[in-house]
């Protein structure tokens, strides 16, 4: 039977999940940046699409 100290030491040196954890942290950071950008510029993008829609409607009425 292994001692608890040996088990803890083995867990401390085990790095199998480290790469996956780093990828998850990177993905979360990217998601936070995307959300911040969409909150910051979401109104402006909606306004641009609305203006484009109005312009297209105007062109269609003139044809």
Protein backbone atom coordinates (compact mmCIF):
# COMPACT_ATOMS: atom_id res chain seq x y z
CA UNK A 1 0.00 0.00 0.00
CA UNK A 2 1.31 3.42 -0.94
CA UNK A 3 1.60 6.12 1.67
CA UNK A 4 -0.58 9.24 1.40
CA UNK A 5 2.57 11.34 0.96
CA UNK A 6 3.57 9.27 -2.09
CA UNK A 7 0.07 9.64 -3.59
CA UNK A 8 0.13 13.41 -3.08
CA UNK A 9 3.61 13.63 -4.58
CA UNK A 10 2.48 11.66 -7.64
CA UNK A 11 -0.55 13.92 -8.09
CA UNK A 12 1.64 17.00 -7.83
CA UNK A 13 3.94 15.80 -10.62
CA UNK A 14 1.16 14.50 -12.89
CA UNK A 15 0.80 16.92 -15.84
CA UNK A 16 -1.58 15.01 -18.12
CA UNK A 17 -4.45 17.48 -17.70
CA UNK A 18 -2.31 20.60 -17.85
CA UNK A 19 -2.51 21.05 -21.63
CA UNK A 20 -6.29 20.68 -21.68
CA UNK A 21 -6.61 23.19 -18.85
CA UNK A 22 -4.49 25.70 -20.75
CA UNK A 23 -6.67 25.29 -23.85
CA UNK A 24 -9.81 25.82 -21.79
CA UNK A 25 -8.37 28.99 -20.26
CA UNK A 26 -7.48 30.32 -23.73
CA UNK A 27 -10.97 29.51 -25.07
CA UNK A 28 -12.63 31.23 -22.11
CA UNK A 29 -10.44 34.31 -22.63
CA UNK A 30 -11.38 34.41 -26.32
CA UNK A 31 -15.07 34.04 -25.44
CA UNK A 32 -14.87 36.90 -22.93
CA UNK A 33 -13.21 39.14 -25.52
CA UNK A 34 -15.87 38.27 -28.12
CA UNK A 35 -18.66 39.02 -25.67
CA UNK A 36 -17.05 42.32 -24.70
CA UNK A 37 -16.70 43.32 -28.36
CA UNK A 38 -20.30 42.40 -29.13
CA UNK A 39 -21.55 44.38 -26.14
CA UNK A 40 -19.39 47.37 -27.06
CA UNK A 41 -20.20 47.45 -30.78
CA UNK A 42 -23.51 45.56 -30.94
CA UNK A 43 -25.63 48.70 -31.16
CA UNK A 44 -23.52 50.18 -33.92
CA UNK A 45 -23.63 46.95 -35.97
CA UNK A 46 -27.41 46.79 -35.58
CA UNK A 47 -27.65 50.42 -36.70
CA UNK A 48 -25.51 49.69 -39.78
CA UNK A 49 -27.71 46.76 -40.79
CA UNK A 50 -30.86 48.82 -40.23
CA UNK A 51 -29.48 51.64 -42.40
CA UNK A 52 -28.53 49.14 -45.12
CA UNK A 53 -32.02 47.63 -45.00
CA UNK A 54 -33.62 51.07 -45.36
CA UNK A 55 -31.36 51.89 -48.31
CA UNK A 56 -32.21 48.59 -50.02
CA UNK A 57 -35.91 49.23 -49.52
CA UNK A 58 -35.49 52.67 -51.07
CA UNK A 59 -33.68 51.21 -54.09
CA UNK A 60 -36.34 48.52 -54.53
CA UNK A 61 -39.14 51.13 -54.47
CA UNK A 62 -37.39 53.20 -57.16
CA UNK A 63 -37.09 50.23 -59.55
